[in-house]
Structures are given as C-alpha cells and as structure tokens.
Amino acid sequence: MPLYKSISVNSQTTVKIWKIEESYDDLFQPLDLKPHSLKRVLGMKSELHQRGFLSVRHLLREFGYTDQDLYYDDNGKPHLKDGKHISITHSFTFSGVVVSDKPVGIDIEKQREKIGVIAHKFVDYEYNYLKPTDEDYINRLTVIWGIKESLYKLFAVPGMLFKEHFLVIPFMMKDKNTIAWIDYKNKKYRYNTAFMEFEGFTCAYVIP
C-alpha cells in the first residue's frame, strides 16, 4: 500500500499522495467500483491511466470513502456525497487527493523542460519576476502551472483562462507556499497555495 505522503494542511484539510507501484490487477482486486467507474476504467487505452484512476480509488479508501461516495458534476468536477470538498490529480506514477471542508484544488505535474515552450500560453503577470535565464526557471514554471491548474479545478467554470484570469504572487522555491488570485468578471478571489517537489514531480494545492 504505497501511500507516499499524508499532509494535514489544517484541521479541515488533508492531502494524500500515492506512489503507483502496483500492477493493474493488484490495484483492481480489492476495489468495489460502481458500473460507471468500471466502464470508464475498462475503456481507457493506457494502462498508466487505468492505474492512475484505480490508485485514486485507493486514496479515497485512505480517507474512509469508497468509489460510491464520489460523483462528478456537468463540468467534470468531483464531489463527495457527504458534502465535503475534494480535488483529484494523477500524473504518470503519482496520484493525489485533497479533501476539505472548503473548496480545494490539487495538481501533480512531472517536471519537464518542454513546459518552457508553452509558458507563453499560461504566464503573463508572472513574467514580472520570472526569467528564462533563472536557474530554477523550469521548477518555478511547473509550480505556476500546478497552482493555476489547481485554481481551475477548484473554480470549475468553463471559459476561465490561465493567462488572463489567474495570477501567482512572486515566490522562491524555498518558500513552499505563495498567494494566488483569480480575477474574473470584475470579482477578485484570494487563495493560499502550497507546493512541494519529490522524485522529479511537483505537487501544488490551493485553498481559500
């Protein structure tokens, strides 16, 4: 049972991360999936995606939930039947879930140089403190992407743009946290964010 990390963010919020080391069969065996979830996982073409999907269900169990407790709305946002807030992520060999009494978002990304190529698509304000010549440019870009992805998951409103509506306040990698804002339709929303790195991956999460 490779529960990789469990982080008590505050009294209402917990993050759990799973390192996906088991085979598809070992992950599948102990789970009781509802018919829709079973159809989804069997329809996935990549075993990596299947194992990611199943590992999230194992994380649910770590929180005391089952697949039956989870449902998705029309925007694809996950919800729990008991009314608690949840956000889900998986990337290659890691998956993560955050559960809270408040709206939350989480993202895990593999650190890759190619994020520098698409930076112009999601970075605007952040160029005020970020330069391609910075030694930690790729790492900080990955954090910014992870925070903005987490904000998008939390808000789950179609039409929001990473570059235009989300901004991340200046930070250094050693800070492990920063503030982010959503500026959308003449309203501003402030979020606390935190981030960490492990084994070539970056995890970021946001809470109001």
N, C-alpha and C. Protein backbone atom coordinates (compact mmCIF):
# COMPACT_ATOMS: atom_id res chain seq x y z
N MET A 1 0.85 -1.20 0.00
CA MET A 1 0.00 0.00 0.00
C MET A 1 0.88 1.24 0.00
N PRO A 2 1.30 1.69 -1.16
CA PRO A 2 2.27 2.80 -1.14
C PRO A 2 1.62 4.18 -1.00
N LEU A 3 1.02 4.43 0.18
CA LEU A 3 0.63 5.79 0.49
C LEU A 3 1.95 6.54 0.68
N TYR A 4 2.21 7.50 -0.18
CA TYR A 4 3.53 8.14 -0.25
C TYR A 4 3.66 9.28 0.75
N LYS A 5 2.61 10.10 0.84
CA LYS A 5 2.62 11.22 1.78
C LYS A 5 1.21 11.49 2.28
N SER A 6 1.11 11.94 3.52
CA SER A 6 -0.15 12.42 4.05
C SER A 6 0.15 13.73 4.77
N ILE A 7 -0.52 14.81 4.34
CA ILE A 7 -0.23 16.13 4.87
C ILE A 7 -1.48 16.73 5.48
N SER A 8 -1.41 17.06 6.76
CA SER A 8 -2.51 17.79 7.40
C SER A 8 -2.28 19.27 7.16
N VAL A 9 -3.00 19.82 6.18
CA VAL A 9 -2.82 21.23 5.81
C VAL A 9 -3.34 22.12 6.93
N ASN A 10 -4.53 21.79 7.42
CA ASN A 10 -5.11 22.44 8.59
C ASN A 10 -6.14 21.48 9.17
N SER A 11 -6.89 21.92 10.17
CA SER A 11 -7.80 21.00 10.84
C SER A 11 -8.92 20.48 9.93
N GLN A 12 -9.19 21.21 8.82
CA GLN A 12 -10.27 20.79 7.91
C GLN A 12 -9.77 20.18 6.60
N THR A 13 -8.46 20.19 6.38
CA THR A 13 -7.94 19.86 5.04
C THR A 13 -6.78 18.87 5.11
N THR A 14 -6.88 17.78 4.34
CA THR A 14 -5.80 16.78 4.28
C THR A 14 -5.48 16.45 2.84
N VAL A 15 -4.19 16.35 2.54
CA VAL A 15 -3.68 15.93 1.23
C VAL A 15 -3.06 14.56 1.39
N LYS A 16 -3.40 13.64 0.48
CA LYS A 16 -2.75 12.33 0.46
C LYS A 16 -2.23 12.05 -0.95
N ILE A 17 -1.00 11.52 -1.01
CA ILE A 17 -0.35 11.22 -2.29
C ILE A 17 0.02 9.75 -2.33
N TRP A 18 -0.22 9.16 -3.50
CA TRP A 18 0.02 7.72 -3.71
C TRP A 18 1.11 7.55 -4.76
N LYS A 19 2.07 6.70 -4.48
CA LYS A 19 3.07 6.33 -5.50
C LYS A 19 2.60 5.04 -6.15
N ILE A 20 2.36 5.11 -7.44
CA ILE A 20 1.73 3.98 -8.15
C ILE A 20 2.79 2.96 -8.55
N GLU A 21 2.92 1.93 -7.72
CA GLU A 21 3.93 0.88 -7.96
C GLU A 21 3.29 -0.47 -8.27
N GLU A 22 2.00 -0.61 -7.94
CA GLU A 22 1.34 -1.92 -8.11
C GLU A 22 0.94 -2.14 -9.57
N SER A 23 0.69 -3.39 -9.87
CA SER A 23 0.16 -3.74 -11.20
C SER A 23 -1.31 -3.35 -11.26
N TYR A 24 -1.84 -3.32 -12.46
CA TYR A 24 -3.27 -3.05 -12.67
C TYR A 24 -4.11 -4.04 -11.85
N ASP A 25 -3.77 -5.32 -11.92
CA ASP A 25 -4.56 -6.35 -11.21
C ASP A 25 -4.54 -6.15 -9.71
N ASP A 26 -3.36 -5.82 -9.16
CA ASP A 26 -3.26 -5.63 -7.72
C ASP A 26 -4.07 -4.43 -7.25
N LEU A 27 -4.12 -3.39 -8.08
CA LEU A 27 -4.91 -2.21 -7.73
C LEU A 27 -6.40 -2.49 -7.87
N PHE A 28 -6.75 -3.26 -8.90
CA PHE A 28 -8.16 -3.51 -9.22
C PHE A 28 -8.83 -4.45 -8.21
N GLN A 29 -8.08 -5.45 -7.79
CA GLN A 29 -8.61 -6.56 -6.97
C GLN A 29 -9.46 -6.13 -5.78
N PRO A 30 -8.94 -5.27 -4.89
CA PRO A 30 -9.70 -5.00 -3.66
C PRO A 30 -10.82 -3.97 -3.80
N LEU A 31 -10.97 -3.39 -4.98
CA LEU A 31 -11.92 -2.27 -5.13
C LEU A 31 -13.32 -2.73 -5.51
N ASP A 32 -14.30 -1.98 -5.02
CA ASP A 32 -15.70 -2.19 -5.42
C ASP A 32 -16.11 -0.96 -6.23
N LEU A 33 -16.04 -1.08 -7.55
CA LEU A 33 -16.34 0.06 -8.42
C LEU A 33 -17.80 0.05 -8.86
N LYS A 34 -18.41 1.24 -8.90
CA LYS A 34 -19.77 1.31 -9.43
C LYS A 34 -19.71 1.11 -10.96
N PRO A 35 -20.81 0.70 -11.58
CA PRO A 35 -20.79 0.35 -13.01
C PRO A 35 -20.19 1.43 -13.91
N HIS A 36 -20.50 2.70 -13.64
CA HIS A 36 -19.98 3.78 -14.47
C HIS A 36 -18.45 3.86 -14.39
N SER A 37 -17.91 3.69 -13.18
CA SER A 37 -16.45 3.73 -12.99
C SER A 37 -15.79 2.54 -13.66
N LEU A 38 -16.43 1.39 -13.54
CA LEU A 38 -15.90 0.17 -14.18
C LEU A 38 -15.83 0.36 -15.70
N LYS A 39 -16.89 0.92 -16.25
CA LYS A 39 -16.93 1.18 -17.70
C LYS A 39 -15.82 2.15 -18.09
N ARG A 40 -15.61 3.18 -17.26
CA ARG A 40 -14.58 4.17 -17.55
C ARG A 40 -13.19 3.55 -17.56
N VAL A 41 -12.89 2.78 -16.52
CA VAL A 41 -11.53 2.23 -16.41
C VAL A 41 -11.27 1.19 -17.49
N LEU A 42 -12.28 0.39 -17.82
CA LEU A 42 -12.09 -0.63 -18.87
C LEU A 42 -11.96 0.01 -20.25
N GLY A 43 -12.50 1.22 -20.39
CA GLY A 43 -12.43 1.91 -21.68
C GLY A 43 -11.15 2.69 -21.90
N MET A 44 -10.30 2.76 -20.88
CA MET A 44 -9.05 3.52 -21.02
C MET A 44 -8.03 2.72 -21.84
N LYS A 45 -7.40 3.40 -22.79
CA LYS A 45 -6.47 2.72 -23.68
C LYS A 45 -5.09 2.50 -23.06
N SER A 46 -4.74 3.35 -22.10
CA SER A 46 -3.42 3.28 -21.49
C SER A 46 -3.49 2.65 -20.10
N GLU A 47 -2.63 1.67 -19.85
CA GLU A 47 -2.61 1.05 -18.53
C GLU A 47 -2.15 2.04 -17.46
N LEU A 48 -1.31 3.00 -17.86
CA LEU A 48 -0.86 4.04 -16.93
C LEU A 48 -2.05 4.85 -16.41
N HIS A 49 -2.98 5.18 -17.34
CA HIS A 49 -4.18 5.91 -16.94
C HIS A 49 -5.09 5.04 -16.06
N GLN A 50 -5.19 3.77 -16.42
CA GLN A 50 -6.02 2.86 -15.62
C GLN A 50 -5.49 2.78 -14.19
N ARG A 51 -4.17 2.62 -14.07
CA ARG A 51 -3.57 2.51 -12.74
C ARG A 51 -3.70 3.82 -11.96
N GLY A 52 -3.63 4.95 -12.68
CA GLY A 52 -3.84 6.25 -12.04
C GLY A 52 -5.25 6.36 -11.49
N PHE A 53 -6.22 5.97 -12.31
CA PHE A 53 -7.64 6.00 -11.93
C PHE A 53 -7.88 5.12 -10.70
N LEU A 54 -7.33 3.92 -10.73
CA LEU A 54 -7.54 2.98 -9.62
C LEU A 54 -6.83 3.43 -8.35
N SER A 55 -5.64 4.02 -8.50
CA SER A 55 -4.90 4.47 -7.32
C SER A 55 -5.66 5.58 -6.60
N VAL A 56 -6.40 6.41 -7.36
CA VAL A 56 -7.23 7.46 -6.75
C VAL A 56 -8.29 6.81 -5.86
N ARG A 57 -8.85 5.68 -6.32
CA ARG A 57 -9.87 4.97 -5.50
C ARG A 57 -9.24 4.41 -4.23
N HIS A 58 -7.96 4.04 -4.30
CA HIS A 58 -7.27 3.60 -3.08
C HIS A 58 -7.06 4.78 -2.12
N LEU A 59 -6.77 5.94 -2.69
CA LEU A 59 -6.65 7.13 -1.85
C LEU A 59 -7.98 7.47 -1.17
N LEU A 60 -9.07 7.30 -1.91
CA LEU A 60 -10.40 7.51 -1.31
C LEU A 60 -10.57 6.62 -0.08
N ARG A 61 -10.13 5.39 -0.21
CA ARG A 61 -10.23 4.44 0.92
C ARG A 61 -9.41 4.92 2.11
N GLU A 62 -8.26 5.54 1.83
CA GLU A 62 -7.43 6.09 2.91
C GLU A 62 -8.19 7.17 3.69
N PHE A 63 -9.10 7.86 3.00
CA PHE A 63 -9.92 8.89 3.65
C PHE A 63 -11.19 8.30 4.27
N GLY A 64 -11.41 7.00 4.04
CA GLY A 64 -12.62 6.37 4.58
C GLY A 64 -13.80 6.40 3.62
N TYR A 65 -13.53 6.70 2.34
CA TYR A 65 -14.58 6.73 1.32
C TYR A 65 -14.45 5.53 0.38
N THR A 66 -15.49 5.32 -0.42
CA THR A 66 -15.42 4.33 -1.50
C THR A 66 -15.76 5.02 -2.81
N ASP A 67 -15.65 4.30 -3.89
CA ASP A 67 -16.00 4.84 -5.20
C ASP A 67 -17.45 5.30 -5.24
N GLN A 68 -18.31 4.65 -4.44
CA GLN A 68 -19.74 5.00 -4.39
C GLN A 68 -19.97 6.40 -3.79
N ASP A 69 -19.01 6.89 -3.02
CA ASP A 69 -19.16 8.20 -2.37
C ASP A 69 -18.80 9.36 -3.29
N LEU A 70 -18.25 9.03 -4.45
CA LEU A 70 -17.74 10.06 -5.37
C LEU A 70 -18.64 10.20 -6.59
N TYR A 71 -18.92 11.46 -6.96
CA TYR A 71 -19.65 11.68 -8.21
C TYR A 71 -19.14 12.95 -8.87
N TYR A 72 -19.44 13.13 -10.15
CA TYR A 72 -18.95 14.27 -10.92
C TYR A 72 -20.12 15.11 -11.43
N ASP A 73 -19.94 16.45 -11.45
CA ASP A 73 -21.00 17.30 -12.00
C ASP A 73 -20.81 17.50 -13.51
N ASP A 74 -21.65 18.33 -14.11
CA ASP A 74 -21.62 18.51 -15.56
C ASP A 74 -20.33 19.15 -16.06
N ASN A 75 -19.62 19.85 -15.18
CA ASN A 75 -18.33 20.45 -15.56
C ASN A 75 -17.15 19.51 -15.32
N GLY A 76 -17.46 18.28 -14.88
CA GLY A 76 -16.40 17.31 -14.63
C GLY A 76 -15.73 17.47 -13.27
N LYS A 77 -16.33 18.27 -12.40
CA LYS A 77 -15.74 18.47 -11.08
C LYS A 77 -16.21 17.37 -10.13
N PRO A 78 -15.26 16.76 -9.39
CA PRO A 78 -15.65 15.70 -8.46
C PRO A 78 -16.28 16.24 -7.18
N HIS A 79 -17.21 15.49 -6.61
CA HIS A 79 -17.86 15.85 -5.36
C HIS A 79 -17.99 14.60 -4.49
N LEU A 80 -18.12 14.82 -3.19
CA LEU A 80 -18.38 13.73 -2.25
C LEU A 80 -19.81 13.84 -1.75
N LYS A 81 -20.45 12.70 -1.56
CA LYS A 81 -21.86 12.70 -1.16
C LYS A 81 -22.09 13.30 0.22
N ASP A 82 -21.06 13.31 1.08
CA ASP A 82 -21.27 13.88 2.42
C ASP A 82 -21.10 15.39 2.45
N GLY A 83 -20.84 16.00 1.27
CA GLY A 83 -20.75 17.45 1.20
C GLY A 83 -19.36 18.03 1.37
N LYS A 84 -18.39 17.19 1.73
CA LYS A 84 -17.02 17.69 1.82
C LYS A 84 -16.50 17.97 0.41
N HIS A 85 -15.49 18.83 0.32
CA HIS A 85 -14.91 19.20 -0.98
C HIS A 85 -13.72 18.29 -1.28
N ILE A 86 -13.57 17.96 -2.57
CA ILE A 86 -12.49 17.06 -2.98
C ILE A 86 -11.89 17.55 -4.30
N SER A 87 -10.60 17.31 -4.47
CA SER A 87 -9.95 17.52 -5.76
C SER A 87 -8.99 16.35 -5.98
N ILE A 88 -8.81 16.00 -7.25
CA ILE A 88 -8.10 14.77 -7.63
C ILE A 88 -7.07 15.07 -8.72
N THR A 89 -5.94 14.39 -8.67
CA THR A 89 -4.94 14.54 -9.72
C THR A 89 -4.17 13.24 -9.90
N HIS A 90 -3.72 12.97 -11.11
CA HIS A 90 -2.68 11.95 -11.28
C HIS A 90 -1.79 12.25 -12.48
N SER A 91 -0.53 11.91 -12.33
CA SER A 91 0.47 12.17 -13.36
C SER A 91 1.50 11.05 -13.34
N PHE A 92 1.52 10.27 -14.40
CA PHE A 92 2.47 9.16 -14.53
C PHE A 92 2.39 8.22 -13.32
N THR A 93 3.36 8.31 -12.40
CA THR A 93 3.43 7.32 -11.31
C THR A 93 2.99 7.88 -9.96
N PHE A 94 2.33 9.03 -9.96
CA PHE A 94 1.82 9.58 -8.70
C PHE A 94 0.38 10.03 -8.87
N SER A 95 -0.39 9.88 -7.80
CA SER A 95 -1.74 10.45 -7.79
C SER A 95 -1.92 11.15 -6.45
N GLY A 96 -2.88 12.08 -6.41
CA GLY A 96 -3.10 12.83 -5.19
C GLY A 96 -4.57 13.18 -5.03
N VAL A 97 -5.00 13.27 -3.78
CA VAL A 97 -6.36 13.67 -3.45
C VAL A 97 -6.28 14.64 -2.27
N VAL A 98 -7.06 15.72 -2.34
CA VAL A 98 -7.21 16.61 -1.18
C VAL A 98 -8.69 16.65 -0.82
N VAL A 99 -8.97 16.54 0.46
CA VAL A 99 -10.34 16.61 0.98
C VAL A 99 -10.39 17.70 2.04
N SER A 100 -11.44 18.53 1.98
CA SER A 100 -11.53 19.66 2.90
C SER A 100 -12.98 20.06 3.15
N ASP A 101 -13.17 20.85 4.20
CA ASP A 101 -14.49 21.45 4.45
C ASP A 101 -14.73 22.64 3.51
N LYS A 102 -13.65 23.12 2.87
CA LYS A 102 -13.74 24.28 1.97
C LYS A 102 -13.36 23.86 0.55
N PRO A 103 -13.72 24.65 -0.46
CA PRO A 103 -13.32 24.33 -1.84
C PRO A 103 -11.80 24.22 -1.95
N VAL A 104 -11.33 23.23 -2.70
CA VAL A 104 -9.89 22.97 -2.82
C VAL A 104 -9.55 22.57 -4.25
N GLY A 105 -8.27 22.65 -4.58
CA GLY A 105 -7.78 22.15 -5.86
C GLY A 105 -6.38 21.60 -5.68
N ILE A 106 -6.05 20.55 -6.44
CA ILE A 106 -4.71 19.95 -6.35
C ILE A 106 -4.24 19.54 -7.74
N ASP A 107 -2.92 19.59 -7.94
CA ASP A 107 -2.35 19.14 -9.22
C ASP A 107 -0.96 18.58 -8.98
N ILE A 108 -0.65 17.49 -9.68
CA ILE A 108 0.71 16.94 -9.69
C ILE A 108 1.20 16.97 -11.13
N GLU A 109 2.41 17.46 -11.33
CA GLU A 109 3.00 17.54 -12.67
C GLU A 109 4.40 16.95 -12.66
N LYS A 110 4.75 16.25 -13.73
CA LYS A 110 6.13 15.81 -13.92
C LYS A 110 6.94 17.01 -14.39
N GLN A 111 8.11 17.20 -13.82
CA GLN A 111 8.96 18.35 -14.21
C GLN A 111 9.63 18.04 -15.55
N ARG A 112 9.29 18.87 -16.56
CA ARG A 112 9.85 18.64 -17.90
C ARG A 112 10.24 19.96 -18.55
N GLU A 113 11.34 19.93 -19.26
CA GLU A 113 11.84 21.14 -19.92
C GLU A 113 10.82 21.72 -20.89
N LYS A 114 10.00 20.87 -21.48
CA LYS A 114 9.10 21.36 -22.54
C LYS A 114 8.04 22.33 -22.03
N ILE A 115 7.90 22.44 -20.69
CA ILE A 115 6.95 23.43 -20.17
C ILE A 115 7.39 24.85 -20.54
N GLY A 116 8.71 25.01 -20.74
CA GLY A 116 9.23 26.32 -21.16
C GLY A 116 8.72 26.74 -22.53
N VAL A 117 8.43 25.77 -23.37
CA VAL A 117 7.95 26.05 -24.73
C VAL A 117 6.53 26.59 -24.72
N ILE A 118 5.72 26.15 -23.75
CA ILE A 118 4.31 26.59 -23.71
C ILE A 118 4.06 27.66 -22.66
N ALA A 119 5.13 28.14 -22.02
CA ALA A 119 4.98 29.11 -20.92
C ALA A 119 4.15 30.32 -21.34
N HIS A 120 4.34 30.78 -22.57
CA HIS A 120 3.62 31.99 -23.03
C HIS A 120 2.11 31.80 -23.04
N LYS A 121 1.66 30.55 -22.99
CA LYS A 121 0.22 30.28 -23.02
C LYS A 121 -0.44 30.43 -21.64
N PHE A 122 0.35 30.34 -20.58
CA PHE A 122 -0.26 30.42 -19.25
C PHE A 122 0.40 31.42 -18.30
N VAL A 123 1.46 32.07 -18.76
CA VAL A 123 2.17 33.04 -17.93
C VAL A 123 2.02 34.44 -18.51
N ASP A 124 1.65 35.41 -17.67
CA ASP A 124 1.59 36.81 -18.08
C ASP A 124 2.19 37.67 -16.97
N TYR A 125 1.39 37.96 -15.95
CA TYR A 125 1.86 38.75 -14.81
C TYR A 125 3.16 38.17 -14.23
N GLU A 126 3.29 36.85 -14.20
CA GLU A 126 4.42 36.18 -13.54
C GLU A 126 5.77 36.49 -14.20
N TYR A 127 5.73 36.96 -15.46
CA TYR A 127 6.99 37.34 -16.12
C TYR A 127 7.65 38.53 -15.43
N ASN A 128 6.91 39.23 -14.56
CA ASN A 128 7.50 40.33 -13.79
C ASN A 128 8.59 39.84 -12.85
N TYR A 129 8.50 38.57 -12.44
CA TYR A 129 9.52 38.06 -11.51
C TYR A 129 10.18 36.78 -12.00
N LEU A 130 9.85 36.38 -13.19
CA LEU A 130 10.35 35.10 -13.72
C LEU A 130 11.11 35.34 -15.02
N LYS A 131 12.32 34.82 -15.12
CA LYS A 131 13.12 35.00 -16.33
C LYS A 131 13.63 33.64 -16.82
N PRO A 132 13.59 33.40 -18.14
CA PRO A 132 14.07 32.12 -18.68
C PRO A 132 15.52 31.81 -18.31
N THR A 133 16.28 32.83 -17.94
CA THR A 133 17.69 32.60 -17.57
C THR A 133 17.84 32.16 -16.11
N ASP A 134 16.74 32.23 -15.34
CA ASP A 134 16.80 31.80 -13.94
C ASP A 134 17.17 30.32 -13.85
N GLU A 135 18.02 30.01 -12.87
CA GLU A 135 18.46 28.62 -12.69
C GLU A 135 17.29 27.68 -12.41
N ASP A 136 16.30 28.19 -11.68
CA ASP A 136 15.16 27.35 -11.30
C ASP A 136 13.90 27.65 -12.14
N TYR A 137 14.13 28.17 -13.34
CA TYR A 137 13.02 28.60 -14.21
C TYR A 137 11.99 27.49 -14.44
N ILE A 138 12.45 26.30 -14.80
CA ILE A 138 11.53 25.18 -15.10
C ILE A 138 10.77 24.77 -13.84
N ASN A 139 11.47 24.73 -12.72
CA ASN A 139 10.81 24.35 -11.46
C ASN A 139 9.71 25.35 -11.08
N ARG A 140 10.01 26.63 -11.22
CA ARG A 140 9.02 27.64 -10.83
C ARG A 140 7.87 27.70 -11.85
N LEU A 141 8.19 27.51 -13.11
CA LEU A 141 7.13 27.42 -14.13
C LEU A 141 6.17 26.28 -13.80
N THR A 142 6.73 25.15 -13.39
CA THR A 142 5.91 23.97 -13.06
C THR A 142 5.02 24.25 -11.86
N VAL A 143 5.55 24.99 -10.89
CA VAL A 143 4.75 25.39 -9.73
C VAL A 143 3.60 26.29 -10.18
N ILE A 144 3.90 27.26 -11.03
CA ILE A 144 2.86 28.20 -11.51
C ILE A 144 1.77 27.44 -12.26
N TRP A 145 2.18 26.54 -13.14
CA TRP A 145 1.19 25.73 -13.85
C TRP A 145 0.34 24.93 -12.86
N GLY A 146 0.99 24.29 -11.90
CA GLY A 146 0.27 23.47 -10.91
C GLY A 146 -0.71 24.28 -10.10
N ILE A 147 -0.32 25.49 -9.71
CA ILE A 147 -1.22 26.35 -8.93
C ILE A 147 -2.41 26.77 -9.79
N LYS A 148 -2.14 27.15 -11.05
CA LYS A 148 -3.24 27.60 -11.92
C LYS A 148 -4.17 26.45 -12.28
N GLU A 149 -3.61 25.28 -12.47
CA GLU A 149 -4.44 24.09 -12.73
C GLU A 149 -5.32 23.80 -11.51
N SER A 150 -4.74 23.95 -10.33
CA SER A 150 -5.49 23.72 -9.08
C SER A 150 -6.62 24.74 -8.92
N LEU A 151 -6.34 26.00 -9.26
CA LEU A 151 -7.37 27.04 -9.20
C LEU A 151 -8.51 26.72 -10.17
N TYR A 152 -8.14 26.26 -11.35
CA TYR A 152 -9.15 25.93 -12.37
C TYR A 152 -10.05 24.80 -11.87
N LYS A 153 -9.42 23.80 -11.25
CA LYS A 153 -10.19 22.67 -10.71
C LYS A 153 -11.12 23.11 -9.58
N LEU A 154 -10.62 24.01 -8.74
CA LEU A 154 -11.42 24.48 -7.63
C LEU A 154 -12.64 25.27 -8.12
N PHE A 155 -12.40 26.16 -9.08
CA PHE A 155 -13.47 27.05 -9.54
C PHE A 155 -14.38 26.36 -10.56
N ALA A 156 -13.78 25.57 -11.44
CA ALA A 156 -14.53 24.74 -12.41
C ALA A 156 -15.60 25.52 -13.17
N VAL A 157 -15.20 26.66 -13.71
CA VAL A 157 -16.11 27.46 -14.54
C VAL A 157 -15.57 27.50 -15.96
N PRO A 158 -16.29 26.96 -16.94
CA PRO A 158 -15.81 26.99 -18.32
C PRO A 158 -15.57 28.43 -18.78
N GLY A 159 -14.50 28.66 -19.51
CA GLY A 159 -14.23 30.00 -20.03
C GLY A 159 -13.13 30.72 -19.28
N MET A 160 -12.71 30.16 -18.14
CA MET A 160 -11.60 30.78 -17.42
C MET A 160 -10.28 30.47 -18.13
N LEU A 161 -9.39 31.45 -18.18
CA LEU A 161 -8.11 31.29 -18.86
C LEU A 161 -6.96 31.46 -17.87
N PHE A 162 -6.02 30.52 -17.92
CA PHE A 162 -4.88 30.54 -17.00
C PHE A 162 -4.13 31.87 -17.08
N LYS A 163 -3.93 32.36 -18.30
CA LYS A 163 -3.09 33.53 -18.52
C LYS A 163 -3.80 34.82 -18.10
N GLU A 164 -5.09 34.89 -18.36
CA GLU A 164 -5.82 36.13 -18.14
C GLU A 164 -6.46 36.25 -16.76
N HIS A 165 -6.93 35.14 -16.22
CA HIS A 165 -7.75 35.23 -15.01
C HIS A 165 -7.06 34.78 -13.72
N PHE A 166 -5.91 34.11 -13.84
CA PHE A 166 -5.21 33.61 -12.66
C PHE A 166 -3.85 34.29 -12.55
N LEU A 167 -3.47 34.69 -11.33
CA LEU A 167 -2.11 35.18 -11.18
C LEU A 167 -1.51 34.69 -9.87
N VAL A 168 -0.21 34.43 -9.94
CA VAL A 168 0.53 33.85 -8.81
C VAL A 168 1.54 34.88 -8.31
N ILE A 169 1.43 35.23 -7.04
CA ILE A 169 2.29 36.24 -6.42
C ILE A 169 3.74 35.73 -6.38
N PRO A 170 4.74 36.63 -6.49
CA PRO A 170 6.15 36.20 -6.51
C PRO A 170 6.51 35.24 -5.36
N PHE A 171 7.34 34.27 -5.68
CA PHE A 171 7.77 33.28 -4.68
C PHE A 171 9.13 32.74 -5.08
N MET A 172 9.81 32.14 -4.13
CA MET A 172 11.03 31.37 -4.39
C MET A 172 10.72 29.91 -4.06
N MET A 173 11.48 28.99 -4.63
CA MET A 173 11.21 27.57 -4.41
C MET A 173 11.30 27.21 -2.93
N LYS A 174 12.20 27.86 -2.20
CA LYS A 174 12.37 27.52 -0.78
C LYS A 174 11.17 27.95 0.07
N ASP A 175 10.32 28.85 -0.48
CA ASP A 175 9.16 29.34 0.28
C ASP A 175 8.13 28.24 0.55
N LYS A 176 7.96 27.35 -0.41
CA LYS A 176 7.00 26.24 -0.30
C LYS A 176 5.53 26.70 -0.31
N ASN A 177 5.30 28.00 -0.38
CA ASN A 177 3.92 28.49 -0.49
C ASN A 177 3.91 29.90 -1.05
N THR A 178 2.75 30.32 -1.53
CA THR A 178 2.57 31.69 -2.01
C THR A 178 1.07 31.98 -2.03
N ILE A 179 0.72 33.16 -2.54
CA ILE A 179 -0.68 33.56 -2.66
C ILE A 179 -1.03 33.58 -4.14
N ALA A 180 -2.25 33.21 -4.47
CA ALA A 180 -2.71 33.30 -5.86
C ALA A 180 -4.06 34.01 -5.88
N TRP A 181 -4.34 34.63 -7.01
CA TRP A 181 -5.60 35.37 -7.17
C TRP A 181 -6.32 34.91 -8.41
N ILE A 182 -7.64 34.91 -8.34
CA ILE A 182 -8.47 34.79 -9.53
C ILE A 182 -9.13 36.15 -9.73
N ASP A 183 -8.98 36.68 -10.93
CA ASP A 183 -9.59 37.96 -11.29
C ASP A 183 -10.53 37.68 -12.46
N TYR A 184 -11.82 37.57 -12.16
CA TYR A 184 -12.77 37.07 -13.15
C TYR A 184 -14.09 37.82 -13.05
N LYS A 185 -14.52 38.36 -14.17
CA LYS A 185 -15.80 39.07 -14.24
C LYS A 185 -15.94 40.11 -13.12
N ASN A 186 -14.90 40.96 -13.02
CA ASN A 186 -14.90 42.08 -12.06
C ASN A 186 -14.96 41.65 -10.59
N LYS A 187 -14.62 40.39 -10.33
CA LYS A 187 -14.52 39.93 -8.95
C LYS A 187 -13.12 39.36 -8.72
N LYS A 188 -12.62 39.55 -7.50
CA LYS A 188 -11.29 39.03 -7.17
C LYS A 188 -11.41 38.03 -6.01
N TYR A 189 -10.70 36.91 -6.15
CA TYR A 189 -10.73 35.86 -5.12
C TYR A 189 -9.28 35.55 -4.74
N ARG A 190 -9.01 35.46 -3.44
CA ARG A 190 -7.64 35.22 -2.95
C ARG A 190 -7.52 33.80 -2.42
N TYR A 191 -6.41 33.15 -2.73
CA TYR A 191 -6.20 31.77 -2.30
C TYR A 191 -4.82 31.58 -1.69
N ASN A 192 -4.76 30.75 -0.67
CA ASN A 192 -3.48 30.28 -0.15
C ASN A 192 -3.05 29.07 -0.98
N THR A 193 -1.77 29.02 -1.30
CA THR A 193 -1.28 27.89 -2.08
C THR A 193 -0.04 27.31 -1.40
N ALA A 194 0.20 26.05 -1.65
CA ALA A 194 1.43 25.41 -1.17
C ALA A 194 1.93 24.48 -2.27
N PHE A 195 3.23 24.22 -2.25
CA PHE A 195 3.79 23.34 -3.27
C PHE A 195 4.98 22.57 -2.70
N MET A 196 5.26 21.44 -3.32
CA MET A 196 6.41 20.61 -2.91
C MET A 196 6.92 19.84 -4.11
N GLU A 197 8.15 19.38 -4.01
CA GLU A 197 8.76 18.59 -5.08
C GLU A 197 9.19 17.24 -4.52
N PHE A 198 9.06 16.20 -5.35
CA PHE A 198 9.52 14.87 -4.97
C PHE A 198 9.75 14.04 -6.23
N GLU A 199 10.89 13.39 -6.29
CA GLU A 199 11.20 12.43 -7.35
C GLU A 199 10.92 12.96 -8.76
N GLY A 200 11.24 14.24 -8.99
CA GLY A 200 11.07 14.81 -10.33
C GLY A 200 9.65 15.25 -10.62
N PHE A 201 8.81 15.32 -9.59
CA PHE A 201 7.42 15.79 -9.74
C PHE A 201 7.20 17.01 -8.85
N THR A 202 6.19 17.80 -9.21
CA THR A 202 5.77 18.94 -8.41
C THR A 202 4.30 18.76 -8.05
N CYS A 203 3.96 18.98 -6.80
CA CYS A 203 2.57 18.97 -6.36
C CYS A 203 2.23 20.35 -5.83
N ALA A 204 1.11 20.90 -6.29
CA ALA A 204 0.62 22.17 -5.77
C ALA A 204 -0.83 22.01 -5.35
N TYR A 205 -1.24 22.74 -4.33
CA TYR A 205 -2.65 22.72 -3.96
C TYR A 205 -3.07 24.09 -3.46
N VAL A 206 -4.36 24.39 -3.57
CA VAL A 206 -4.89 25.71 -3.21
C VAL A 206 -6.13 25.57 -2.33
N ILE A 207 -6.24 26.51 -1.38
CA ILE A 207 -7.44 26.59 -0.53
C ILE A 207 -7.77 28.07 -0.33
N PRO A 208 -9.04 28.43 -0.15
CA PRO A 208 -9.41 29.85 0.04
C PRO A 208 -8.75 30.45 1.27
